[in-house]
Amino acid sequence: MSTHTIVLCQFGNKLTTRQWSDYETVEDAMDGICQMYEHRLKKLNPNRKKITYDISDLFNFVDDLPDLSALVFNARDASYTPRNKEWIKDRVFQHLKKQAGQ
C-alpha cells in the first residue's frame, strides 16, 4: 500500500536551512533520510572514495538535526499524521533490516 509521506527537515539553527521532500511511500522516505546522511558524509569527506557507517551514526545524525519530522498520509481520515524523530529512527531501522534480508 502506497502511503504518501512528506519529510520536513531543518539542517541548522537558521530557518533558511529548512527543507521538505515528498515521497510516494514511507519506505521511499526512509531511503531519502539515509540519502540525506550519505550526502552529508560525502560533503564532509570529499576525498574519500568509499564511506561506511552504521546505524548508530545515522541515528546520531538524526538526533543532531534541529528538526526532523514526517507527515504520513492516512487514507482513512484523508489527513496527514505527524511523526517524530523516534518514529523515524524506528522506521529507518526496520527498513534497513528488511533491505538486509533479516
C-alpha atoms as a PDB file:
ATOM      1  CA  MET A   1       0.000   0.000   0.000  1.00  0.00           C
ATOM      2  CA  SER A   2       1.347   3.394  -1.001  1.00  0.00           C
ATOM      3  CA  THR A   3       1.403   5.961   1.796  1.00  0.00           C
ATOM      4  CA  HIS A   4       2.433   9.425   0.672  1.00  0.00           C
ATOM      5  CA  THR A   5       5.000  10.857   3.094  1.00  0.00           C
ATOM      6  CA  ILE A   6       6.420  14.353   3.480  1.00  0.00           C
ATOM      7  CA  VAL A   7       9.736  14.732   5.306  1.00  0.00           C
ATOM      8  CA  LEU A   8      10.401  18.088   6.983  1.00  0.00           C
ATOM      9  CA  CYS A   9      13.988  18.828   7.930  1.00  0.00           C
ATOM     10  CA  GLN A  10      15.967  21.700   9.414  1.00  0.00           C
ATOM     11  CA  PHE A  11      19.736  21.315   8.998  1.00  0.00           C
ATOM     12  CA  GLY A  12      20.915  24.279  11.076  1.00  0.00           C
ATOM     13  CA  ASN A  13      19.757  26.906  13.540  1.00  0.00           C
ATOM     14  CA  LYS A  14      18.672  29.346  10.828  1.00  0.00           C
ATOM     15  CA  LEU A  15      15.172  28.988   9.438  1.00  0.00           C
ATOM     16  CA  THR A  16      16.657  29.222   5.945  1.00  0.00           C
ATOM     17  CA  THR A  17      18.089  25.703   6.418  1.00  0.00           C
ATOM     18  CA  ARG A  18      14.607  24.198   6.372  1.00  0.00           C
ATOM     19  CA  GLN A  19      13.589  21.961   3.503  1.00  0.00           C
ATOM     20  CA  TRP A  20      10.936  19.406   2.701  1.00  0.00           C
ATOM     21  CA  SER A  21      10.741  16.404   0.395  1.00  0.00           C
ATOM     22  CA  ASP A  22       7.800  14.257  -0.539  1.00  0.00           C
ATOM     23  CA  TYR A  23       7.793  10.553  -1.293  1.00  0.00           C
ATOM     24  CA  GLU A  24       5.274   8.066  -2.608  1.00  0.00           C
ATOM     25  CA  THR A  25       5.817   5.657   0.298  1.00  0.00           C
ATOM     26  CA  VAL A  26       7.167   5.590   3.836  1.00  0.00           C
ATOM     27  CA  GLU A  27       9.927   3.265   2.587  1.00  0.00           C
ATOM     28  CA  ASP A  28      10.978   5.806  -0.049  1.00  0.00           C
ATOM     29  CA  ALA A  29      11.034   8.483   2.657  1.00  0.00           C
ATOM     30  CA  MET A  30      13.308   6.342   4.841  1.00  0.00           C
ATOM     31  CA  ASP A  31      15.629   5.866   1.849  1.00  0.00           C
ATOM     32  CA  GLY A  32      15.569   9.633   1.395  1.00  0.00           C
ATOM     33  CA  ILE A  33      16.640  10.195   5.005  1.00  0.00           C
ATOM     34  CA  CYS A  34      19.521   7.730   4.553  1.00  0.00           C
ATOM     35  CA  GLN A  35      20.497   9.574   1.370  1.00  0.00           C
ATOM     36  CA  MET A  36      20.481  12.887   3.273  1.00  0.00           C
ATOM     37  CA  TYR A  37      23.012  11.420   5.685  1.00  0.00           C
ATOM     38  CA  GLU A  38      25.110   9.906   2.904  1.00  0.00           C
ATOM     39  CA  HIS A  39      25.142  13.266   1.105  1.00  0.00           C
ATOM     40  CA  ARG A  40      26.336  14.907   4.317  1.00  0.00           C
ATOM     41  CA  LEU A  41      29.100  12.307   4.706  1.00  0.00           C
ATOM     42  CA  LYS A  42      30.264  12.898   1.121  1.00  0.00           C
ATOM     43  CA  LYS A  43      30.307  16.642   1.725  1.00  0.00           C
ATOM     44  CA  LEU A  44      32.377  16.219   4.904  1.00  0.00           C
ATOM     45  CA  ASN A  45      34.742  13.694   3.275  1.00  0.00           C
ATOM     46  CA  PRO A  46      35.134  14.832  -0.363  1.00  0.00           C
ATOM     47  CA  ASN A  47      38.383  12.941  -0.965  1.00  0.00           C
ATOM     48  CA  ARG A  48      37.207   9.541   0.280  1.00  0.00           C
ATOM     49  CA  LYS A  49      36.015   7.158  -2.407  1.00  0.00           C
ATOM     50  CA  LYS A  50      34.306   4.781  -0.018  1.00  0.00           C
ATOM     51  CA  ILE A  51      32.454   5.853   3.102  1.00  0.00           C
ATOM     52  CA  THR A  52      30.851   3.406   5.506  1.00  0.00           C
ATOM     53  CA  TYR A  53      28.643   3.990   8.519  1.00  0.00           C
ATOM     54  CA  ASP A  54      26.475   2.051  10.905  1.00  0.00           C
ATOM     55  CA  ILE A  55      23.002   2.634  12.265  1.00  0.00           C
ATOM     56  CA  SER A  56      24.258   4.456  15.366  1.00  0.00           C
ATOM     57  CA  ASP A  57      25.999   7.029  13.137  1.00  0.00           C
ATOM     58  CA  LEU A  58      22.774   7.562  11.217  1.00  0.00           C
ATOM     59  CA  PHE A  59      20.783   7.888  14.452  1.00  0.00           C
ATOM     60  CA  ASN A  60      23.284  10.453  15.788  1.00  0.00           C
ATOM     61  CA  PHE A  61      22.776  12.446  12.586  1.00  0.00           C
ATOM     62  CA  VAL A  62      19.004  12.332  13.094  1.00  0.00           C
ATOM     63  CA  ASP A  63      19.313  13.311  16.770  1.00  0.00           C
ATOM     64  CA  ASP A  64      21.658  16.199  15.969  1.00  0.00           C
ATOM     65  CA  LEU A  65      19.308  17.787  13.438  1.00  0.00           C
ATOM     66  CA  PRO A  66      17.471  20.768  14.941  1.00  0.00           C
ATOM     67  CA  ASP A  67      14.248  19.402  13.465  1.00  0.00           C
ATOM     68  CA  LEU A  68      13.215  16.300  11.560  1.00  0.00           C
ATOM     69  CA  SER A  69       9.682  15.047  11.226  1.00  0.00           C
ATOM     70  CA  ALA A  70       7.436  13.264   8.782  1.00  0.00           C
ATOM     71  CA  LEU A  71       3.839  13.694   7.746  1.00  0.00           C
ATOM     72  CA  VAL A  72       2.330  10.356   6.719  1.00  0.00           C
ATOM     73  CA  PHE A  73      -0.922  10.265   4.781  1.00  0.00           C
ATOM     74  CA  ASN A  74      -3.777   8.471   6.494  1.00  0.00           C
ATOM     75  CA  ALA A  75      -6.265   7.429   3.798  1.00  0.00           C
ATOM     76  CA  ARG A  76      -8.968   6.557   6.320  1.00  0.00           C
ATOM     77  CA  ASP A  77      -9.126  10.135   7.603  1.00  0.00           C
ATOM     78  CA  ALA A  78      -7.814  11.814   4.433  1.00  0.00           C
ATOM     79  CA  SER A  79      -5.265  13.637   6.594  1.00  0.00           C
ATOM     80  CA  TYR A  80      -1.582  13.569   7.445  1.00  0.00           C
ATOM     81  CA  THR A  81      -0.314  12.138  10.727  1.00  0.00           C
ATOM     82  CA  PRO A  82       2.788  13.864  12.153  1.00  0.00           C
ATOM     83  CA  ARG A  83       5.682  11.601  13.161  1.00  0.00           C
ATOM     84  CA  ASN A  84       8.722  12.499  15.292  1.00  0.00           C
ATOM     85  CA  LYS A  85      12.409  11.554  15.256  1.00  0.00           C
ATOM     86  CA  GLU A  86      11.897   8.420  17.372  1.00  0.00           C
ATOM     87  CA  TRP A  87       9.278   7.110  14.934  1.00  0.00           C
ATOM     88  CA  ILE A  88      11.585   7.932  12.021  1.00  0.00           C
ATOM     89  CA  LYS A  89      14.524   6.111  13.630  1.00  0.00           C
ATOM     90  CA  ASP A  90      12.347   3.054  14.266  1.00  0.00           C
ATOM     91  CA  ARG A  91      11.126   3.052  10.670  1.00  0.00           C
ATOM     92  CA  VAL A  92      14.616   3.573   9.250  1.00  0.00           C
ATOM     93  CA  PHE A  93      15.876   0.650  11.346  1.00  0.00           C
ATOM     94  CA  GLN A  94      13.026  -1.626  10.192  1.00  0.00           C
ATOM     95  CA  HIS A  95      13.524  -0.534   6.588  1.00  0.00           C
ATOM     96  CA  LEU A  96      17.280  -1.193   6.614  1.00  0.00           C
ATOM     97  CA  LYS A  97      16.745  -4.516   8.377  1.00  0.00           C
ATOM     98  CA  LYS A  98      14.277  -5.516   5.664  1.00  0.00           C
ATOM     99  CA  GLN A  99      16.732  -4.473   2.949  1.00  0.00           C
ATOM    100  CA  ALA A 100      19.431  -6.593   4.580  1.00  0.00           C
ATOM    101  CA  GLY A 101      17.074  -9.560   4.475  1.00  0.00           C
ATOM    102  CA  GLN A 102      16.780 -10.011   8.225  1.00  0.00           C
END
